[in-house]
């Protein structure tokens, strides 16, 4: 692969996540805290976390056909994964994301 081609690809150490929440509800706040804790506890990956409030951006939830909130979507690396809930089961979350905690 040419260098110019590889520079267009996301780094293998980068995990891109989107967290869809419903305003400042208790479950949304818990999901934000849990995913932030998991991301900060990981030492070998770079996390790009985008938090999307479906009250402010309902079109984004509609585009993704999201019915439940909070909802975490792992965009990169593939395969794409979708997790629903407060993300309180750390072991299940890190397993689904394909990462390990230091």
Protein backbone atom coordinates (compact mmCIF):
# COMPACT_ATOMS: atom_id res chain seq x y z
CA UNK A 1 0.00 0.00 0.00
CA UNK A 2 1.30 3.42 -0.90
CA UNK A 3 1.97 5.90 1.86
CA UNK A 4 -0.64 8.31 0.46
CA UNK A 5 -3.27 5.54 0.56
CA UNK A 6 -2.46 4.54 4.13
CA UNK A 7 -2.63 8.14 5.36
CA UNK A 8 -6.34 8.22 4.43
CA UNK A 9 -7.10 5.26 6.70
CA UNK A 10 -7.87 5.66 10.40
CA UNK A 11 -5.08 4.60 12.75
CA UNK A 12 -5.51 1.08 14.13
CA UNK A 13 -5.10 2.53 17.62
CA UNK A 14 -8.07 4.87 17.21
CA UNK A 15 -11.56 3.91 18.34
CA UNK A 16 -14.35 6.16 17.05
CA UNK A 17 -17.53 6.16 19.14
CA UNK A 18 -20.86 7.96 19.01
CA UNK A 19 -23.01 8.07 22.14
CA UNK A 20 -26.64 9.03 21.61
CA UNK A 21 -28.32 10.38 24.75
CA UNK A 22 -31.69 11.87 25.70
CA UNK A 23 -30.84 15.24 27.18
CA UNK A 24 -29.53 15.26 30.72
CA UNK A 25 -31.59 12.31 31.95
CA UNK A 26 -30.07 10.20 34.77
CA UNK A 27 -29.50 7.24 32.43
CA UNK A 28 -27.86 9.47 29.82
CA UNK A 29 -25.56 11.01 32.43
CA UNK A 30 -24.65 7.54 33.75
CA UNK A 31 -23.81 6.35 30.23
CA UNK A 32 -21.59 9.40 29.64
CA UNK A 33 -19.76 8.84 32.92
CA UNK A 34 -19.31 5.11 32.24
CA UNK A 35 -17.94 5.46 28.70
CA UNK A 36 -15.62 8.29 29.78
CA UNK A 37 -14.30 6.10 32.61
CA UNK A 38 -13.73 3.19 30.23
CA UNK A 39 -11.98 5.39 27.66
CA UNK A 40 -9.69 6.95 30.28
CA UNK A 41 -8.80 3.54 31.75
CA UNK A 42 -7.48 2.31 28.42
CA UNK A 43 -3.82 2.94 27.72
CA UNK A 44 -3.19 1.65 24.19
CA UNK A 45 -6.00 3.22 22.17
CA UNK A 46 -7.03 6.75 21.27
CA UNK A 47 -10.75 7.36 21.67
CA UNK A 48 -12.77 9.83 19.67
CA UNK A 49 -16.11 10.15 21.45
CA UNK A 50 -18.94 12.18 19.98
CA UNK A 51 -21.93 12.71 22.27
CA UNK A 52 -25.17 13.41 20.40
CA UNK A 53 -28.28 14.63 22.20
CA UNK A 54 -31.24 13.24 20.28
CA UNK A 55 -33.46 16.01 21.66
CA UNK A 56 -31.26 18.60 19.96
CA UNK A 57 -30.45 16.46 16.88
CA UNK A 58 -33.44 14.18 16.23
CA UNK A 59 -32.47 13.86 12.56
CA UNK A 60 -29.22 12.08 13.50
CA UNK A 61 -31.11 9.47 15.51
CA UNK A 62 -33.59 9.06 12.67
CA UNK A 63 -30.76 8.55 10.15
CA UNK A 64 -29.36 5.75 12.33
CA UNK A 65 -32.86 4.33 12.98
CA UNK A 66 -32.24 4.57 16.74
CA UNK A 67 -35.15 3.75 18.99
CA UNK A 68 -33.37 3.40 22.34
CA UNK A 69 -31.29 5.82 24.36
CA UNK A 70 -28.61 5.85 25.60
CA UNK A 71 -27.04 4.06 22.63
CA UNK A 72 -23.31 3.71 21.91
CA UNK A 73 -22.15 3.00 18.37
CA UNK A 74 -18.58 1.93 17.63
CA UNK A 75 -17.88 3.38 14.20
CA UNK A 76 -14.21 2.38 13.89
CA UNK A 77 -12.52 -0.06 13.81
CA UNK A 78 -14.89 -2.35 11.98
CA UNK A 79 -17.06 -4.25 12.58
CA UNK A 80 -19.54 -1.64 13.71
CA UNK A 81 -21.12 -2.41 17.09
CA UNK A 82 -24.17 -0.96 18.83
CA UNK A 83 -24.62 -1.08 22.62
CA UNK A 84 -27.78 0.04 24.38
CA UNK A 85 -28.09 1.14 27.99
CA UNK A 86 -26.01 2.87 30.63
CA UNK A 87 -22.83 0.91 29.80
CA UNK A 88 -22.47 -0.04 33.46
CA UNK A 89 -21.22 -3.58 32.72
CA UNK A 90 -17.61 -2.65 31.99
CA UNK A 91 -16.58 -6.17 30.97
CA UNK A 92 -19.33 -6.42 28.36
CA UNK A 93 -18.55 -2.96 27.00
CA UNK A 94 -14.80 -3.56 26.60
CA UNK A 95 -15.48 -6.96 25.07
CA UNK A 96 -17.97 -5.49 22.57
CA UNK A 97 -15.54 -2.68 21.71
CA UNK A 98 -12.69 -5.15 21.29
CA UNK A 99 -10.39 -3.36 23.71
CA UNK A 100 -8.58 -4.19 26.94
CA UNK A 101 -8.25 -2.19 30.14
CA UNK A 102 -4.79 -1.51 31.59
